[in-house]
Amino acid sequence: EVDFWILPIIQGFVQIEELVVNYNESSDDDKSSPETPPQECSCVDDVHPTFLVALISRRSRHRAGMRYKRRGVDKNGNVANYVETEQLIHVHNHTLSYIQTRGSVPVFWSQVGYRYNPRPRLDKSENETVSCFRAHFEEQLKNYKKQVIINLVDQTGREKIIGDAYLKQVLLYNNANLTYVSFDFHEHW
């Protein structure tokens, strides 16, 4: 009987915008040749299609915290600063959805100190991490079926220890529904 008093809330972001695409400003490459007859539009929306775009980000209540203060995974498989972002596009009575998640690397690690970018350290062994890593990705795969992991940590600098531990856990987990990609954006900066 108290459901009436409970207000569901999210910590996150929601924005919905209506966009109109104007095809009139096309390049010379997009224009048809003299041999090609002009195509007639089949409906008004084809001239200036209207898209409804929504962006929704939801931050998890588990292991939320300040950067450099809350890192890694906990004993239940929750990662620090986990966010699920969904992009929705609605056009011509069709709705498309794309979901991406992000969070801290799901191993036991931390950064100690108050200075900028403190050196990361592993807090537990590989064997102590296996069950928590597994719990994290079992929940991910239950919710999203397949996952593409994009590891963004520095692969050669001070974060290398975290990246290596992450890859080792992925290899130990050995699940066909996980695809692991290492992208060191420090090299492409």
N, C-alpha and C. Protein backbone atom coordinates (compact mmCIF):
# COMPACT_ATOMS: atom_id res chain seq x y z
N GLU A 1 0.80 -1.21 0.00
CA GLU A 1 0.00 0.00 0.00
C GLU A 1 0.83 1.26 0.00
N VAL A 2 2.15 1.12 0.11
CA VAL A 2 3.00 2.31 0.10
C VAL A 2 3.54 2.64 -1.29
N ASP A 3 3.23 1.82 -2.29
CA ASP A 3 3.73 2.07 -3.65
C ASP A 3 3.37 3.46 -4.15
N PHE A 4 2.24 3.98 -3.72
CA PHE A 4 1.81 5.31 -4.13
C PHE A 4 2.83 6.36 -3.69
N TRP A 5 3.52 6.12 -2.60
CA TRP A 5 4.45 7.09 -2.03
C TRP A 5 5.88 6.92 -2.54
N ILE A 6 6.13 5.84 -3.25
CA ILE A 6 7.49 5.59 -3.74
C ILE A 6 7.63 6.21 -5.13
N LEU A 7 8.63 7.06 -5.27
CA LEU A 7 8.89 7.73 -6.52
C LEU A 7 10.16 7.16 -7.14
N PRO A 8 10.05 6.45 -8.28
CA PRO A 8 11.27 5.92 -8.92
C PRO A 8 12.06 7.07 -9.54
N ILE A 9 13.34 7.11 -9.28
CA ILE A 9 14.20 8.15 -9.84
C ILE A 9 15.46 7.52 -10.41
N ILE A 10 16.14 8.25 -11.27
CA ILE A 10 17.43 7.81 -11.78
C ILE A 10 18.44 8.93 -11.56
N GLN A 11 19.68 8.54 -11.37
CA GLN A 11 20.76 9.51 -11.42
C GLN A 11 21.31 9.39 -12.83
N GLY A 12 21.09 10.40 -13.61
CA GLY A 12 21.52 10.30 -14.99
C GLY A 12 21.11 11.50 -15.80
N PHE A 13 20.80 11.25 -17.06
CA PHE A 13 20.55 12.31 -18.01
C PHE A 13 19.52 11.83 -19.02
N VAL A 14 18.59 12.70 -19.39
CA VAL A 14 17.61 12.39 -20.42
C VAL A 14 17.46 13.62 -21.31
N GLN A 15 17.55 13.42 -22.61
CA GLN A 15 17.29 14.51 -23.56
C GLN A 15 16.60 13.91 -24.78
N ILE A 16 15.54 14.58 -25.23
CA ILE A 16 14.79 14.15 -26.40
C ILE A 16 14.71 15.34 -27.35
N GLU A 17 15.11 15.13 -28.59
CA GLU A 17 15.12 16.20 -29.59
C GLU A 17 14.47 15.71 -30.88
N GLU A 18 13.80 16.61 -31.57
CA GLU A 18 13.27 16.32 -32.89
C GLU A 18 14.21 16.94 -33.91
N LEU A 19 14.67 16.14 -34.86
CA LEU A 19 15.60 16.60 -35.87
C LEU A 19 14.98 16.46 -37.25
N VAL A 20 15.25 17.43 -38.11
CA VAL A 20 14.79 17.38 -39.49
C VAL A 20 16.02 17.39 -40.38
N VAL A 21 16.09 16.45 -41.30
CA VAL A 21 17.21 16.37 -42.23
C VAL A 21 16.80 17.04 -43.52
N ASN A 22 17.62 17.99 -43.97
CA ASN A 22 17.35 18.72 -45.20
C ASN A 22 18.28 18.20 -46.28
N TYR A 23 17.73 17.52 -47.28
CA TYR A 23 18.53 16.95 -48.35
C TYR A 23 18.75 17.93 -49.49
N ASN A 24 18.19 19.11 -49.44
CA ASN A 24 18.31 20.07 -50.53
C ASN A 24 19.74 20.55 -50.73
N GLU A 25 20.53 20.54 -49.70
CA GLU A 25 21.90 21.02 -49.77
C GLU A 25 22.83 19.84 -50.04
N SER A 26 22.78 19.29 -51.25
CA SER A 26 23.60 18.13 -51.58
C SER A 26 24.82 18.59 -52.38
N SER A 27 25.85 17.76 -52.36
CA SER A 27 27.06 18.06 -53.12
C SER A 27 26.84 17.69 -54.58
N ASP A 28 27.78 18.08 -55.43
CA ASP A 28 27.68 17.74 -56.85
C ASP A 28 27.72 16.24 -57.07
N ASP A 29 28.43 15.51 -56.20
CA ASP A 29 28.50 14.05 -56.33
C ASP A 29 27.16 13.38 -56.07
N ASP A 30 26.33 14.01 -55.23
CA ASP A 30 25.04 13.43 -54.88
C ASP A 30 23.97 13.68 -55.93
N LYS A 31 24.20 14.64 -56.80
CA LYS A 31 23.19 14.98 -57.81
C LYS A 31 23.18 13.93 -58.91
N SER A 32 22.01 13.69 -59.47
CA SER A 32 21.91 12.68 -60.52
C SER A 32 22.48 13.21 -61.83
N SER A 33 22.87 12.30 -62.69
CA SER A 33 23.42 12.67 -64.00
C SER A 33 22.27 13.05 -64.93
N PRO A 34 22.57 13.70 -66.03
CA PRO A 34 21.50 14.08 -66.98
C PRO A 34 20.73 12.89 -67.51
N GLU A 35 21.38 11.70 -67.57
CA GLU A 35 20.71 10.51 -68.06
C GLU A 35 19.73 9.93 -67.05
N THR A 36 19.91 10.28 -65.78
CA THR A 36 19.06 9.73 -64.73
C THR A 36 17.84 10.63 -64.55
N PRO A 37 16.64 10.08 -64.75
CA PRO A 37 15.46 10.92 -64.56
C PRO A 37 15.29 11.27 -63.08
N PRO A 38 14.78 12.45 -62.78
CA PRO A 38 14.57 12.81 -61.37
C PRO A 38 13.56 11.88 -60.73
N GLN A 39 13.83 11.51 -59.48
CA GLN A 39 12.93 10.61 -58.77
C GLN A 39 11.91 11.43 -58.00
N GLU A 40 10.68 10.97 -58.06
CA GLU A 40 9.62 11.64 -57.31
C GLU A 40 9.57 11.10 -55.89
N CYS A 41 9.25 11.98 -54.97
CA CYS A 41 9.15 11.57 -53.57
C CYS A 41 7.86 10.80 -53.36
N SER A 42 7.96 9.74 -52.57
CA SER A 42 6.77 8.93 -52.33
C SER A 42 5.93 9.47 -51.19
N CYS A 43 6.51 10.28 -50.33
CA CYS A 43 5.73 10.90 -49.27
C CYS A 43 6.42 12.19 -48.82
N VAL A 44 5.71 13.00 -48.10
CA VAL A 44 6.23 14.29 -47.66
C VAL A 44 7.45 14.12 -46.77
N ASP A 45 7.46 13.07 -45.94
CA ASP A 45 8.58 12.85 -45.03
C ASP A 45 9.88 12.56 -45.76
N ASP A 46 9.81 12.08 -47.01
CA ASP A 46 11.04 11.80 -47.75
C ASP A 46 11.77 13.08 -48.14
N VAL A 47 11.07 14.19 -48.25
CA VAL A 47 11.71 15.46 -48.58
C VAL A 47 12.48 15.98 -47.38
N HIS A 48 11.85 16.04 -46.23
CA HIS A 48 12.46 16.49 -44.99
C HIS A 48 12.08 15.51 -43.87
N PRO A 49 12.76 14.34 -43.83
CA PRO A 49 12.38 13.36 -42.81
C PRO A 49 12.63 13.91 -41.40
N THR A 50 11.71 13.58 -40.51
CA THR A 50 11.80 14.00 -39.12
C THR A 50 12.22 12.80 -38.27
N PHE A 51 13.22 13.01 -37.46
CA PHE A 51 13.72 11.98 -36.55
C PHE A 51 13.48 12.44 -35.12
N LEU A 52 13.07 11.53 -34.28
CA LEU A 52 13.01 11.81 -32.86
C LEU A 52 14.18 11.06 -32.23
N VAL A 53 15.08 11.78 -31.58
CA VAL A 53 16.28 11.19 -30.99
C VAL A 53 16.23 11.38 -29.48
N ALA A 54 16.44 10.30 -28.76
CA ALA A 54 16.46 10.36 -27.30
C ALA A 54 17.78 9.78 -26.81
N LEU A 55 18.34 10.41 -25.80
CA LEU A 55 19.55 9.93 -25.16
C LEU A 55 19.26 9.80 -23.67
N ILE A 56 19.45 8.60 -23.14
CA ILE A 56 19.14 8.33 -21.73
C ILE A 56 20.37 7.67 -21.10
N SER A 57 20.91 8.29 -20.07
CA SER A 57 22.02 7.70 -19.33
C SER A 57 21.57 7.44 -17.90
N ARG A 58 21.85 6.24 -17.42
CA ARG A 58 21.47 5.85 -16.06
C ARG A 58 22.72 5.37 -15.33
N ARG A 59 23.01 6.01 -14.21
CA ARG A 59 24.17 5.63 -13.41
C ARG A 59 23.73 4.65 -12.34
N SER A 60 24.53 3.61 -12.15
CA SER A 60 24.21 2.61 -11.14
C SER A 60 24.38 3.17 -9.74
N ARG A 61 23.56 2.68 -8.83
CA ARG A 61 23.69 3.09 -7.43
C ARG A 61 24.75 2.27 -6.71
N HIS A 62 25.20 1.19 -7.34
CA HIS A 62 26.23 0.34 -6.75
C HIS A 62 27.61 0.89 -7.08
N ARG A 63 28.43 1.07 -6.10
CA ARG A 63 29.82 1.52 -6.24
C ARG A 63 29.96 2.88 -6.91
N ALA A 64 29.03 3.76 -6.68
CA ALA A 64 29.17 5.13 -7.19
C ALA A 64 30.20 5.84 -6.32
N GLY A 65 30.94 6.74 -6.90
CA GLY A 65 31.92 7.47 -6.12
C GLY A 65 32.75 8.39 -6.99
N MET A 66 33.62 9.13 -6.33
CA MET A 66 34.47 10.08 -7.03
C MET A 66 35.57 9.34 -7.79
N ARG A 67 35.96 9.92 -8.91
CA ARG A 67 37.07 9.37 -9.69
C ARG A 67 38.31 9.33 -8.81
N TYR A 68 39.11 8.32 -8.97
CA TYR A 68 40.32 8.03 -8.19
C TYR A 68 40.01 7.54 -6.78
N LYS A 69 38.77 7.64 -6.32
CA LYS A 69 38.42 7.15 -4.99
C LYS A 69 37.69 5.82 -5.06
N ARG A 70 36.94 5.60 -6.13
CA ARG A 70 36.17 4.36 -6.28
C ARG A 70 36.59 3.73 -7.60
N ARG A 71 37.22 2.57 -7.53
CA ARG A 71 37.73 1.90 -8.72
C ARG A 71 37.41 0.41 -8.65
N GLY A 72 37.48 -0.26 -9.80
CA GLY A 72 37.42 -1.71 -9.86
C GLY A 72 36.07 -2.32 -9.56
N VAL A 73 36.11 -3.56 -9.10
CA VAL A 73 34.93 -4.39 -8.88
C VAL A 73 34.78 -4.67 -7.39
N ASP A 74 33.56 -4.98 -6.95
CA ASP A 74 33.36 -5.40 -5.56
C ASP A 74 33.06 -6.90 -5.52
N LYS A 75 32.82 -7.44 -4.34
CA LYS A 75 32.63 -8.89 -4.16
C LYS A 75 31.36 -9.40 -4.84
N ASN A 76 30.44 -8.50 -5.19
CA ASN A 76 29.20 -8.91 -5.87
C ASN A 76 29.26 -8.74 -7.38
N GLY A 77 30.39 -8.27 -7.91
CA GLY A 77 30.53 -8.10 -9.35
C GLY A 77 30.12 -6.73 -9.85
N ASN A 78 29.82 -5.80 -8.94
CA ASN A 78 29.48 -4.43 -9.34
C ASN A 78 30.75 -3.64 -9.59
N VAL A 79 30.80 -2.92 -10.72
CA VAL A 79 31.98 -2.11 -11.01
C VAL A 79 31.72 -0.66 -10.64
N ALA A 80 32.79 0.04 -10.34
CA ALA A 80 32.69 1.44 -9.95
C ALA A 80 32.21 2.30 -11.11
N ASN A 81 31.39 3.27 -10.79
CA ASN A 81 30.94 4.29 -11.73
C ASN A 81 30.38 3.71 -13.03
N TYR A 82 29.50 2.74 -12.89
CA TYR A 82 28.86 2.06 -14.01
C TYR A 82 27.73 2.93 -14.56
N VAL A 83 27.70 3.11 -15.88
CA VAL A 83 26.67 3.90 -16.54
C VAL A 83 26.16 3.14 -17.76
N GLU A 84 24.84 3.09 -17.91
CA GLU A 84 24.22 2.53 -19.10
C GLU A 84 23.65 3.70 -19.89
N THR A 85 24.03 3.80 -21.16
CA THR A 85 23.53 4.87 -22.02
C THR A 85 22.79 4.26 -23.20
N GLU A 86 21.56 4.70 -23.39
CA GLU A 86 20.75 4.21 -24.51
C GLU A 86 20.43 5.36 -25.44
N GLN A 87 20.64 5.11 -26.73
CA GLN A 87 20.29 6.08 -27.76
C GLN A 87 19.12 5.50 -28.54
N LEU A 88 18.04 6.25 -28.62
CA LEU A 88 16.84 5.82 -29.33
C LEU A 88 16.62 6.75 -30.52
N ILE A 89 16.31 6.18 -31.66
CA ILE A 89 15.98 6.97 -32.85
C ILE A 89 14.65 6.46 -33.37
N HIS A 90 13.70 7.38 -33.50
CA HIS A 90 12.37 7.02 -34.00
C HIS A 90 12.16 7.75 -35.33
N VAL A 91 11.92 6.98 -36.40
CA VAL A 91 11.69 7.56 -37.72
C VAL A 91 10.75 6.63 -38.49
N HIS A 92 9.79 7.22 -39.20
CA HIS A 92 8.84 6.45 -40.02
C HIS A 92 8.21 5.29 -39.25
N ASN A 93 7.75 5.53 -38.06
CA ASN A 93 7.10 4.53 -37.21
C ASN A 93 8.01 3.35 -36.83
N HIS A 94 9.30 3.55 -36.91
CA HIS A 94 10.27 2.54 -36.47
C HIS A 94 11.14 3.15 -35.38
N THR A 95 11.42 2.37 -34.35
CA THR A 95 12.29 2.83 -33.28
C THR A 95 13.50 1.92 -33.21
N LEU A 96 14.67 2.53 -33.25
CA LEU A 96 15.93 1.82 -33.15
C LEU A 96 16.58 2.16 -31.82
N SER A 97 17.25 1.19 -31.23
CA SER A 97 17.88 1.41 -29.94
C SER A 97 19.32 0.89 -29.98
N TYR A 98 20.22 1.66 -29.39
CA TYR A 98 21.61 1.25 -29.24
C TYR A 98 22.00 1.51 -27.79
N ILE A 99 22.51 0.48 -27.13
CA ILE A 99 22.88 0.60 -25.72
C ILE A 99 24.36 0.35 -25.57
N GLN A 100 25.00 1.22 -24.81
CA GLN A 100 26.39 0.97 -24.43
C GLN A 100 26.51 1.16 -22.92
N THR A 101 27.40 0.38 -22.34
CA THR A 101 27.65 0.50 -20.91
C THR A 101 29.11 0.84 -20.71
N ARG A 102 29.40 1.46 -19.60
CA ARG A 102 30.79 1.73 -19.27
C ARG A 102 30.95 1.62 -17.77
N GLY A 103 32.13 1.34 -17.37
CA GLY A 103 32.41 1.25 -15.95
C GLY A 103 33.88 0.97 -15.74
N SER A 104 34.26 0.90 -14.50
CA SER A 104 35.64 0.63 -14.14
C SER A 104 36.03 -0.79 -14.57
N VAL A 105 37.30 -1.01 -14.80
CA VAL A 105 37.79 -2.34 -15.16
C VAL A 105 37.43 -3.31 -14.03
N PRO A 106 36.75 -4.44 -14.34
CA PRO A 106 36.23 -5.34 -13.32
C PRO A 106 37.26 -6.28 -12.70
N VAL A 107 38.31 -5.71 -12.15
CA VAL A 107 39.27 -6.43 -11.32
C VAL A 107 39.43 -5.61 -10.04
N PHE A 108 40.03 -6.19 -9.03
CA PHE A 108 40.25 -5.46 -7.77
C PHE A 108 41.48 -4.57 -7.92
N TRP A 109 41.24 -3.27 -8.03
CA TRP A 109 42.34 -2.32 -8.16
C TRP A 109 41.94 -0.99 -7.54
N SER A 110 42.93 -0.16 -7.29
CA SER A 110 42.67 1.15 -6.69
C SER A 110 43.78 2.11 -7.08
N GLN A 111 43.56 3.36 -6.74
CA GLN A 111 44.55 4.41 -6.89
C GLN A 111 44.58 5.17 -5.57
N VAL A 112 45.74 5.21 -4.95
CA VAL A 112 45.86 5.81 -3.63
C VAL A 112 46.55 7.16 -3.76
N GLY A 113 46.05 8.12 -3.01
CA GLY A 113 46.67 9.44 -3.00
C GLY A 113 45.75 10.49 -3.56
N TYR A 114 46.11 11.73 -3.31
CA TYR A 114 45.29 12.86 -3.75
C TYR A 114 45.87 13.59 -4.95
N ARG A 115 47.08 13.25 -5.36
CA ARG A 115 47.67 13.95 -6.49
C ARG A 115 46.98 13.52 -7.78
N TYR A 116 47.16 14.31 -8.83
CA TYR A 116 46.53 14.02 -10.12
C TYR A 116 47.07 12.71 -10.68
N ASN A 117 46.18 11.84 -11.12
CA ASN A 117 46.50 10.58 -11.78
C ASN A 117 47.46 9.71 -10.96
N PRO A 118 47.05 9.31 -9.76
CA PRO A 118 47.92 8.42 -8.96
C PRO A 118 48.11 7.08 -9.65
N ARG A 119 49.25 6.43 -9.36
CA ARG A 119 49.59 5.15 -9.98
C ARG A 119 48.60 4.07 -9.53
N PRO A 120 47.99 3.32 -10.48
CA PRO A 120 47.07 2.24 -10.10
C PRO A 120 47.83 1.04 -9.53
N ARG A 121 47.12 0.28 -8.70
CA ARG A 121 47.70 -0.94 -8.14
C ARG A 121 46.63 -2.01 -8.05
N LEU A 122 47.05 -3.25 -8.19
CA LEU A 122 46.13 -4.38 -8.03
C LEU A 122 46.01 -4.68 -6.55
N ASP A 123 44.78 -4.90 -6.08
CA ASP A 123 44.54 -5.12 -4.65
C ASP A 123 44.34 -6.58 -4.28
N LYS A 124 43.99 -7.42 -5.25
CA LYS A 124 43.80 -8.85 -4.99
C LYS A 124 44.41 -9.65 -6.12
N SER A 125 44.63 -10.91 -5.84
CA SER A 125 45.28 -11.79 -6.82
C SER A 125 44.31 -12.15 -7.95
N GLU A 126 44.89 -12.74 -8.99
CA GLU A 126 44.13 -13.22 -10.13
C GLU A 126 43.05 -14.21 -9.69
N ASN A 127 43.41 -15.14 -8.82
CA ASN A 127 42.46 -16.17 -8.36
C ASN A 127 41.34 -15.57 -7.51
N GLU A 128 41.63 -14.56 -6.71
CA GLU A 128 40.61 -13.92 -5.89
C GLU A 128 39.64 -13.09 -6.74
N THR A 129 40.07 -12.71 -7.93
CA THR A 129 39.27 -11.86 -8.81
C THR A 129 38.30 -12.65 -9.69
N VAL A 130 38.63 -13.89 -10.00
CA VAL A 130 37.88 -14.68 -10.99
C VAL A 130 36.38 -14.70 -10.72
N SER A 131 35.94 -15.00 -9.51
CA SER A 131 34.50 -15.13 -9.23
C SER A 131 33.77 -13.79 -9.35
N CYS A 132 34.40 -12.70 -8.98
CA CYS A 132 33.75 -11.38 -9.07
C CYS A 132 33.69 -10.90 -10.52
N PHE A 133 34.74 -11.18 -11.27
CA PHE A 133 34.75 -10.87 -12.71
C PHE A 133 33.63 -11.64 -13.39
N ARG A 134 33.54 -12.92 -13.06
CA ARG A 134 32.50 -13.78 -13.63
C ARG A 134 31.11 -13.25 -13.28
N ALA A 135 30.90 -12.85 -12.02
CA ALA A 135 29.59 -12.34 -11.59
C ALA A 135 29.23 -11.08 -12.38
N HIS A 136 30.22 -10.22 -12.62
CA HIS A 136 29.97 -8.99 -13.38
C HIS A 136 29.49 -9.32 -14.80
N PHE A 137 30.22 -10.18 -15.49
CA PHE A 137 29.85 -10.45 -16.88
C PHE A 137 28.67 -11.39 -17.03
N GLU A 138 28.39 -12.22 -16.06
CA GLU A 138 27.16 -13.00 -16.12
C GLU A 138 25.94 -12.09 -16.06
N GLU A 139 26.00 -11.05 -15.24
CA GLU A 139 24.91 -10.07 -15.18
C GLU A 139 24.83 -9.28 -16.48
N GLN A 140 25.96 -8.88 -17.03
CA GLN A 140 25.97 -8.16 -18.30
C GLN A 140 25.36 -9.01 -19.42
N LEU A 141 25.77 -10.26 -19.49
CA LEU A 141 25.27 -11.14 -20.56
C LEU A 141 23.81 -11.50 -20.36
N LYS A 142 23.36 -11.55 -19.11
CA LYS A 142 21.93 -11.79 -18.85
C LYS A 142 21.11 -10.61 -19.37
N ASN A 143 21.60 -9.41 -19.16
CA ASN A 143 20.86 -8.21 -19.57
C ASN A 143 20.99 -7.89 -21.05
N TYR A 144 22.16 -8.11 -21.64
CA TYR A 144 22.42 -7.64 -23.00
C TYR A 144 22.78 -8.74 -24.00
N LYS A 145 22.83 -9.98 -23.57
CA LYS A 145 23.09 -11.16 -24.41
C LYS A 145 24.54 -11.24 -24.90
N LYS A 146 25.00 -10.28 -25.65
CA LYS A 146 26.38 -10.28 -26.14
C LYS A 146 27.03 -8.96 -25.75
N GLN A 147 28.34 -8.99 -25.61
CA GLN A 147 29.07 -7.79 -25.22
C GLN A 147 30.33 -7.65 -26.08
N VAL A 148 30.61 -6.43 -26.48
CA VAL A 148 31.89 -6.09 -27.06
C VAL A 148 32.59 -5.23 -26.02
N ILE A 149 33.68 -5.74 -25.50
CA ILE A 149 34.45 -5.02 -24.49
C ILE A 149 35.48 -4.18 -25.22
N ILE A 150 35.48 -2.89 -24.96
CA ILE A 150 36.51 -2.01 -25.51
C ILE A 150 37.33 -1.51 -24.34
N ASN A 151 38.54 -2.00 -24.24
CA ASN A 151 39.44 -1.63 -23.17
C ASN A 151 40.19 -0.37 -23.58
N LEU A 152 39.97 0.72 -22.85
CA LEU A 152 40.56 2.02 -23.20
C LEU A 152 41.78 2.39 -22.35
N VAL A 153 42.24 1.50 -21.48
CA VAL A 153 43.37 1.86 -20.62
C VAL A 153 44.66 1.93 -21.43
N ASP A 154 45.58 2.74 -20.94
CA ASP A 154 46.89 2.90 -21.56
C ASP A 154 47.61 1.55 -21.52
N GLN A 155 47.95 1.02 -22.69
CA GLN A 155 48.52 -0.33 -22.79
C GLN A 155 50.02 -0.38 -22.54
N THR A 156 50.67 0.77 -22.44
CA THR A 156 52.12 0.77 -22.26
C THR A 156 52.57 1.57 -21.05
N GLY A 157 51.77 2.46 -20.55
CA GLY A 157 52.17 3.34 -19.45
C GLY A 157 51.82 2.78 -18.09
N ARG A 158 51.47 3.69 -17.20
CA ARG A 158 51.21 3.31 -15.81
C ARG A 158 49.96 2.46 -15.65
N GLU A 159 49.03 2.47 -16.62
CA GLU A 159 47.80 1.67 -16.52
C GLU A 159 47.98 0.25 -17.07
N LYS A 160 49.15 -0.06 -17.60
CA LYS A 160 49.39 -1.37 -18.21
C LYS A 160 49.04 -2.52 -17.27
N ILE A 161 49.33 -2.39 -16.01
CA ILE A 161 49.05 -3.45 -15.04
C ILE A 161 47.56 -3.78 -14.98
N ILE A 162 46.71 -2.74 -15.12
CA ILE A 162 45.25 -2.93 -15.10
C ILE A 162 44.79 -3.58 -16.40
N GLY A 163 45.30 -3.10 -17.53
CA GLY A 163 44.95 -3.67 -18.82
C GLY A 163 45.34 -5.14 -18.94
N ASP A 164 46.52 -5.49 -18.44
CA ASP A 164 46.97 -6.88 -18.47
C ASP A 164 46.08 -7.77 -17.60
N ALA A 165 45.72 -7.27 -16.41
CA ALA A 165 44.85 -8.04 -15.51
C ALA A 165 43.46 -8.24 -16.14
N TYR A 166 42.96 -7.22 -16.83
CA TYR A 166 41.66 -7.30 -17.50
C TYR A 166 41.69 -8.39 -18.58
N LEU A 167 42.69 -8.31 -19.45
CA LEU A 167 42.80 -9.29 -20.53
C LEU A 167 42.94 -10.70 -19.97
N LYS A 168 43.70 -10.87 -18.93
CA LYS A 168 43.88 -12.20 -18.32
C LYS A 168 42.54 -12.75 -17.83
N GLN A 169 41.71 -11.89 -17.21
CA GLN A 169 40.40 -12.34 -16.72
C GLN A 169 39.47 -12.71 -17.88
N VAL A 170 39.52 -11.94 -18.96
CA VAL A 170 38.71 -12.26 -20.14
C VAL A 170 39.11 -13.63 -20.69
N LEU A 171 40.40 -13.87 -20.78
CA LEU A 171 40.89 -15.17 -21.28
C LEU A 171 40.50 -16.31 -20.36
N LEU A 172 40.55 -16.10 -19.06
CA LEU A 172 40.14 -17.14 -18.11
C LEU A 172 38.64 -17.41 -18.18
N TYR A 173 37.85 -16.35 -18.37
CA TYR A 173 36.39 -16.49 -18.46
C TYR A 173 36.01 -17.24 -19.74
N ASN A 174 36.68 -16.93 -20.85
CA ASN A 174 36.55 -17.68 -22.10
C ASN A 174 35.09 -17.89 -22.53
N ASN A 175 34.37 -16.79 -22.70
CA ASN A 175 32.96 -16.86 -23.08
C ASN A 175 32.80 -16.40 -24.53
N ALA A 176 32.13 -17.20 -25.35
CA ALA A 176 31.95 -16.89 -26.78
C ALA A 176 31.10 -15.64 -27.01
N ASN A 177 30.34 -15.21 -26.01
CA ASN A 177 29.49 -14.01 -26.16
C ASN A 177 30.22 -12.72 -25.81
N LEU A 178 31.49 -12.82 -25.48
CA LEU A 178 32.31 -11.63 -25.22
C LEU A 178 33.33 -11.46 -26.33
N THR A 179 33.42 -10.25 -26.85
CA THR A 179 34.46 -9.89 -27.80
C THR A 179 35.30 -8.82 -27.14
N TYR A 180 36.60 -9.04 -27.09
CA TYR A 180 37.51 -8.12 -26.41
C TYR A 180 38.31 -7.34 -27.44
N VAL A 181 38.29 -6.01 -27.33
CA VAL A 181 39.05 -5.13 -28.21
C VAL A 181 39.85 -4.18 -27.33
N SER A 182 41.13 -4.10 -27.57
CA SER A 182 41.96 -3.14 -26.85
C SER A 182 42.20 -1.96 -27.77
N PHE A 183 41.80 -0.77 -27.31
CA PHE A 183 42.00 0.45 -28.10
C PHE A 183 42.71 1.46 -27.22
N ASP A 184 43.99 1.63 -27.47
CA ASP A 184 44.79 2.57 -26.70
C ASP A 184 44.71 3.94 -27.36
N PHE A 185 43.76 4.76 -26.91
CA PHE A 185 43.57 6.06 -27.56
C PHE A 185 44.75 6.98 -27.30
N HIS A 186 45.63 6.64 -26.36
CA HIS A 186 46.84 7.43 -26.13
C HIS A 186 47.75 7.41 -27.36
N GLU A 187 47.70 6.28 -28.11
CA GLU A 187 48.49 6.18 -29.34
C GLU A 187 47.89 7.00 -30.48
N HIS A 188 46.61 7.27 -30.42
CA HIS A 188 45.92 7.96 -31.51
C HIS A 188 45.62 9.41 -31.17
N TRP A 189 46.15 9.90 -30.13
CA TRP A 189 45.86 11.25 -29.64
C TRP A 189 46.43 12.28 -30.52
